[in-house]
Amino acid sequence: MVTNFRKNINKDKKKCLFIILLLFVWFSLDMTGFSFANITLVESAWNQVDGLWWLIFLTLFILFIFKEKFGKYLLSIFILMWIIIQFNCHWYHTIFGTSVEKINSYNQYFRNTLHVISSSEKILIPDLYHIILHLLILISLIILIRYIIYSLIKKNKKL
């Protein structure tokens, strides 16, 4: 039973590292910008708040890898804050509605990016990059919390 539990911990850590790395790579596209043909997935935002956010994310990810004992908690708090901020900036307005000015401003800012659903003058619709980013953030948070719970259970079994 202990061996199976260790295997689960190792599998969960690998899942954690993989999905967080995937999130990091995806978010890194925001730093460089990414276009193919005449389609822009995301424009470069290195000189904005996103650049600082990327550096914090990189630091906490490295901390999680090398100083897992407390790095996992700091990274999970960071990712939780990130999903809350992203929800407030994008999905809150999609779900609960917003002003015409906000929609026009949002559509203008993301006008050159790829949309799965065309932008609207009545509802705020995130572009493809942000939809995938938000899913990756949410999945990362869930997997990281699951890993933390398993780690705590393992620690308690040792005591």
C-alpha atoms as a PDB file:
ATOM      1  CA  MET A   1       0.000   0.000   0.000  1.00  0.00           C
ATOM      2  CA  VAL A   2       2.831   2.412   0.846  1.00  0.00           C
ATOM      3  CA  THR A   3       4.510   1.600  -2.479  1.00  0.00           C
ATOM      4  CA  ASN A   4       1.297   2.409  -4.386  1.00  0.00           C
ATOM      5  CA  PHE A   5       0.993   5.640  -2.462  1.00  0.00           C
ATOM      6  CA  ARG A   6       4.563   6.619  -3.411  1.00  0.00           C
ATOM      7  CA  LYS A   7       3.831   5.795  -7.041  1.00  0.00           C
ATOM      8  CA  ASN A   8       0.781   8.068  -6.873  1.00  0.00           C
ATOM      9  CA  ILE A   9       2.884  10.875  -5.378  1.00  0.00           C
ATOM     10  CA  ASN A  10       5.527  10.493  -8.096  1.00  0.00           C
ATOM     11  CA  LYS A  11       2.876  10.362 -10.836  1.00  0.00           C
ATOM     12  CA  ASP A  12       1.166  13.424  -9.400  1.00  0.00           C
ATOM     13  CA  LYS A  13       4.442  15.346  -9.196  1.00  0.00           C
ATOM     14  CA  LYS A  14       5.204  14.463 -12.829  1.00  0.00           C
ATOM     15  CA  LYS A  15       1.690  15.576 -13.827  1.00  0.00           C
ATOM     16  CA  CYS A  16       2.196  18.770 -11.848  1.00  0.00           C
ATOM     17  CA  LEU A  17       5.525  19.534 -13.447  1.00  0.00           C
ATOM     18  CA  PHE A  18       4.240  18.707 -16.921  1.00  0.00           C
ATOM     19  CA  ILE A  19       1.088  20.843 -16.768  1.00  0.00           C
ATOM     20  CA  ILE A  20       2.865  23.746 -15.068  1.00  0.00           C
ATOM     21  CA  LEU A  21       5.623  23.585 -17.689  1.00  0.00           C
ATOM     22  CA  LEU A  22       2.960  23.559 -20.396  1.00  0.00           C
ATOM     23  CA  LEU A  23       1.341  26.604 -18.767  1.00  0.00           C
ATOM     24  CA  PHE A  24       4.732  28.313 -18.564  1.00  0.00           C
ATOM     25  CA  VAL A  25       5.484  27.670 -22.243  1.00  0.00           C
ATOM     26  CA  TRP A  26       2.007  28.875 -23.246  1.00  0.00           C
ATOM     27  CA  PHE A  27       2.327  31.995 -21.096  1.00  0.00           C
ATOM     28  CA  SER A  28       5.795  32.608 -22.568  1.00  0.00           C
ATOM     29  CA  LEU A  29       4.095  33.169 -25.923  1.00  0.00           C
ATOM     30  CA  ASP A  30       2.675  36.301 -24.311  1.00  0.00           C
ATOM     31  CA  MET A  31       6.226  37.535 -23.753  1.00  0.00           C
ATOM     32  CA  THR A  32       7.394  36.989 -27.317  1.00  0.00           C
ATOM     33  CA  GLY A  33       4.132  37.254 -29.197  1.00  0.00           C
ATOM     34  CA  PHE A  34       3.149  34.537 -31.628  1.00  0.00           C
ATOM     35  CA  SER A  35       1.778  34.845 -35.145  1.00  0.00           C
ATOM     36  CA  PHE A  36       1.467  32.459 -38.051  1.00  0.00           C
ATOM     37  CA  ALA A  37       0.544  33.522 -41.573  1.00  0.00           C
ATOM     38  CA  ASN A  38      -1.631  36.612 -41.062  1.00  0.00           C
ATOM     39  CA  ILE A  39      -3.102  35.362 -37.791  1.00  0.00           C
ATOM     40  CA  THR A  40      -1.933  36.630 -34.410  1.00  0.00           C
ATOM     41  CA  LEU A  41      -2.429  34.228 -31.528  1.00  0.00           C
ATOM     42  CA  VAL A  42      -1.053  36.694 -28.970  1.00  0.00           C
ATOM     43  CA  GLU A  43       0.818  39.979 -29.160  1.00  0.00           C
ATOM     44  CA  SER A  44       3.985  40.546 -27.156  1.00  0.00           C
ATOM     45  CA  ALA A  45       3.322  41.976 -23.695  1.00  0.00           C
ATOM     46  CA  TRP A  46       6.806  41.762 -22.183  1.00  0.00           C
ATOM     47  CA  ASN A  47       6.948  45.457 -21.238  1.00  0.00           C
ATOM     48  CA  GLN A  48       3.616  45.377 -19.465  1.00  0.00           C
ATOM     49  CA  VAL A  49       2.579  43.850 -16.142  1.00  0.00           C
ATOM     50  CA  ASP A  50       2.656  40.455 -17.869  1.00  0.00           C
ATOM     51  CA  GLY A  51       6.468  40.586 -17.979  1.00  0.00           C
ATOM     52  CA  LEU A  52       6.700  40.960 -14.214  1.00  0.00           C
ATOM     53  CA  TRP A  53       4.062  38.238 -13.774  1.00  0.00           C
ATOM     54  CA  TRP A  54       6.099  35.938 -16.041  1.00  0.00           C
ATOM     55  CA  LEU A  55       9.262  36.520 -13.971  1.00  0.00           C
ATOM     56  CA  ILE A  56       7.397  35.797 -10.725  1.00  0.00           C
ATOM     57  CA  PHE A  57       5.917  32.644 -12.261  1.00  0.00           C
ATOM     58  CA  LEU A  58       9.350  31.485 -13.466  1.00  0.00           C
ATOM     59  CA  THR A  59      10.867  32.097 -10.017  1.00  0.00           C
ATOM     60  CA  LEU A  60       8.099  30.223  -8.196  1.00  0.00           C
ATOM     61  CA  PHE A  61       8.185  27.341 -10.669  1.00  0.00           C
ATOM     62  CA  ILE A  62      11.932  26.952 -10.128  1.00  0.00           C
ATOM     63  CA  LEU A  63      11.344  27.201  -6.384  1.00  0.00           C
ATOM     64  CA  PHE A  64       8.762  24.417  -6.622  1.00  0.00           C
ATOM     65  CA  ILE A  65      11.233  22.215  -8.480  1.00  0.00           C
ATOM     66  CA  PHE A  66      14.195  22.757  -6.142  1.00  0.00           C
ATOM     67  CA  LYS A  67      12.595  23.699  -2.812  1.00  0.00           C
ATOM     68  CA  GLU A  68       9.347  21.793  -3.029  1.00  0.00           C
ATOM     69  CA  LYS A  69       8.652  21.829   0.707  1.00  0.00           C
ATOM     70  CA  PHE A  70       7.476  25.448   0.609  1.00  0.00           C
ATOM     71  CA  GLY A  71       7.679  26.149  -3.131  1.00  0.00           C
ATOM     72  CA  LYS A  72       4.507  24.166  -3.794  1.00  0.00           C
ATOM     73  CA  TYR A  73       2.551  26.407  -1.416  1.00  0.00           C
ATOM     74  CA  LEU A  74       3.885  29.658  -2.849  1.00  0.00           C
ATOM     75  CA  LEU A  75       3.233  28.467  -6.407  1.00  0.00           C
ATOM     76  CA  SER A  76      -0.307  27.362  -5.556  1.00  0.00           C
ATOM     77  CA  ILE A  77      -1.079  30.765  -3.962  1.00  0.00           C
ATOM     78  CA  PHE A  78       0.336  32.497  -7.030  1.00  0.00           C
ATOM     79  CA  ILE A  79      -1.716  30.352  -9.439  1.00  0.00           C
ATOM     80  CA  LEU A  80      -4.855  30.865  -7.330  1.00  0.00           C
ATOM     81  CA  MET A  81      -4.344  34.639  -7.461  1.00  0.00           C
ATOM     82  CA  TRP A  82      -3.703  34.387 -11.194  1.00  0.00           C
ATOM     83  CA  ILE A  83      -6.956  32.550 -11.930  1.00  0.00           C
ATOM     84  CA  ILE A  84      -8.895  35.045  -9.799  1.00  0.00           C
ATOM     85  CA  ILE A  85      -7.349  37.984 -11.660  1.00  0.00           C
ATOM     86  CA  GLN A  86      -7.972  36.365 -15.042  1.00  0.00           C
ATOM     87  CA  PHE A  87     -11.584  35.589 -14.108  1.00  0.00           C
ATOM     88  CA  ASN A  88     -12.150  39.203 -13.074  1.00  0.00           C
ATOM     89  CA  CYS A  89     -10.523  40.565 -16.235  1.00  0.00           C
ATOM     90  CA  HIS A  90     -12.207  38.247 -18.728  1.00  0.00           C
ATOM     91  CA  TRP A  91     -14.904  35.791 -17.644  1.00  0.00           C
ATOM     92  CA  TYR A  92     -16.708  37.925 -15.064  1.00  0.00           C
ATOM     93  CA  HIS A  93     -17.663  40.331 -17.832  1.00  0.00           C
ATOM     94  CA  THR A  94     -18.619  37.476 -20.161  1.00  0.00           C
ATOM     95  CA  ILE A  95     -20.854  35.776 -17.585  1.00  0.00           C
ATOM     96  CA  PHE A  96     -22.374  38.772 -15.801  1.00  0.00           C
ATOM     97  CA  GLY A  97     -22.213  41.357 -18.550  1.00  0.00           C
ATOM     98  CA  THR A  98     -20.477  44.708 -18.688  1.00  0.00           C
ATOM     99  CA  SER A  99     -20.715  48.156 -20.174  1.00  0.00           C
ATOM    100  CA  VAL A 100     -20.564  48.836 -23.886  1.00  0.00           C
ATOM    101  CA  GLU A 101     -17.439  50.910 -23.247  1.00  0.00           C
ATOM    102  CA  LYS A 102     -15.685  47.939 -21.597  1.00  0.00           C
ATOM    103  CA  ILE A 103     -16.658  45.620 -24.464  1.00  0.00           C
ATOM    104  CA  ASN A 104     -15.479  48.125 -27.083  1.00  0.00           C
ATOM    105  CA  SER A 105     -12.209  48.684 -25.213  1.00  0.00           C
ATOM    106  CA  TYR A 106     -11.630  44.933 -24.842  1.00  0.00           C
ATOM    107  CA  ASN A 107     -12.458  44.256 -28.498  1.00  0.00           C
ATOM    108  CA  GLN A 108     -10.148  47.077 -29.603  1.00  0.00           C
ATOM    109  CA  TYR A 109      -7.260  45.800 -27.442  1.00  0.00           C
ATOM    110  CA  PHE A 110      -7.593  42.205 -28.698  1.00  0.00           C
ATOM    111  CA  ARG A 111      -8.766  43.069 -32.227  1.00  0.00           C
ATOM    112  CA  ASN A 112      -5.794  41.451 -33.984  1.00  0.00           C
ATOM    113  CA  THR A 113      -5.830  38.158 -32.079  1.00  0.00           C
ATOM    114  CA  LEU A 114      -7.390  34.857 -33.069  1.00  0.00           C
ATOM    115  CA  HIS A 115     -10.937  34.288 -31.843  1.00  0.00           C
ATOM    116  CA  VAL A 116     -12.811  30.978 -31.868  1.00  0.00           C
ATOM    117  CA  ILE A 117     -16.027  32.961 -31.535  1.00  0.00           C
ATOM    118  CA  SER A 118     -16.078  36.343 -33.236  1.00  0.00           C
ATOM    119  CA  SER A 119     -16.007  39.368 -30.982  1.00  0.00           C
ATOM    120  CA  SER A 120     -19.345  40.909 -30.200  1.00  0.00           C
ATOM    121  CA  GLU A 121     -20.648  44.359 -29.385  1.00  0.00           C
ATOM    122  CA  LYS A 122     -23.043  42.873 -26.808  1.00  0.00           C
ATOM    123  CA  ILE A 123     -20.915  40.378 -24.882  1.00  0.00           C
ATOM    124  CA  LEU A 124     -17.242  40.192 -24.022  1.00  0.00           C
ATOM    125  CA  ILE A 125     -15.677  37.132 -25.676  1.00  0.00           C
ATOM    126  CA  PRO A 126     -12.084  36.123 -24.839  1.00  0.00           C
ATOM    127  CA  ASP A 127      -9.735  35.250 -27.672  1.00  0.00           C
ATOM    128  CA  LEU A 128      -8.346  31.741 -28.218  1.00  0.00           C
ATOM    129  CA  TYR A 129      -5.050  32.451 -26.446  1.00  0.00           C
ATOM    130  CA  HIS A 130      -6.831  33.505 -23.254  1.00  0.00           C
ATOM    131  CA  ILE A 131      -9.311  30.646 -23.340  1.00  0.00           C
ATOM    132  CA  ILE A 132      -6.441  28.145 -23.467  1.00  0.00           C
ATOM    133  CA  LEU A 133      -4.431  30.128 -20.894  1.00  0.00           C
ATOM    134  CA  HIS A 134      -7.331  30.102 -18.444  1.00  0.00           C
ATOM    135  CA  LEU A 135      -7.918  26.375 -18.888  1.00  0.00           C
ATOM    136  CA  LEU A 136      -4.217  25.680 -18.289  1.00  0.00           C
ATOM    137  CA  ILE A 137      -4.184  27.878 -15.177  1.00  0.00           C
ATOM    138  CA  LEU A 138      -7.265  26.119 -13.793  1.00  0.00           C
ATOM    139  CA  ILE A 139      -5.934  22.633 -14.557  1.00  0.00           C
ATOM    140  CA  SER A 140      -2.556  23.539 -13.040  1.00  0.00           C
ATOM    141  CA  LEU A 141      -4.220  24.763  -9.868  1.00  0.00           C
ATOM    142  CA  ILE A 142      -6.337  21.623  -9.522  1.00  0.00           C
ATOM    143  CA  ILE A 143      -3.406  19.266 -10.112  1.00  0.00           C
ATOM    144  CA  LEU A 144      -1.135  21.249  -7.790  1.00  0.00           C
ATOM    145  CA  ILE A 145      -3.723  21.246  -4.985  1.00  0.00           C
ATOM    146  CA  ARG A 146      -4.206  17.517  -5.467  1.00  0.00           C
ATOM    147  CA  TYR A 147      -0.455  17.013  -5.232  1.00  0.00           C
ATOM    148  CA  ILE A 148      -0.271  19.103  -2.044  1.00  0.00           C
ATOM    149  CA  ILE A 149      -3.071  17.061  -0.474  1.00  0.00           C
ATOM    150  CA  TYR A 150      -1.333  13.784  -1.349  1.00  0.00           C
ATOM    151  CA  SER A 151       1.927  15.165   0.047  1.00  0.00           C
ATOM    152  CA  LEU A 152       0.222  16.093   3.315  1.00  0.00           C
ATOM    153  CA  ILE A 153      -1.363  12.661   3.584  1.00  0.00           C
ATOM    154  CA  LYS A 154       2.026  11.055   2.952  1.00  0.00           C
ATOM    155  CA  LYS A 155       3.641  13.259   5.602  1.00  0.00           C
ATOM    156  CA  ASN A 156       0.938  12.377   8.146  1.00  0.00           C
ATOM    157  CA  LYS A 157       1.340   8.648   7.455  1.00  0.00           C
ATOM    158  CA  LYS A 158       5.054   8.908   8.232  1.00  0.00           C
ATOM    159  CA  LEU A 159       4.369  10.504  11.630  1.00  0.00           C
END
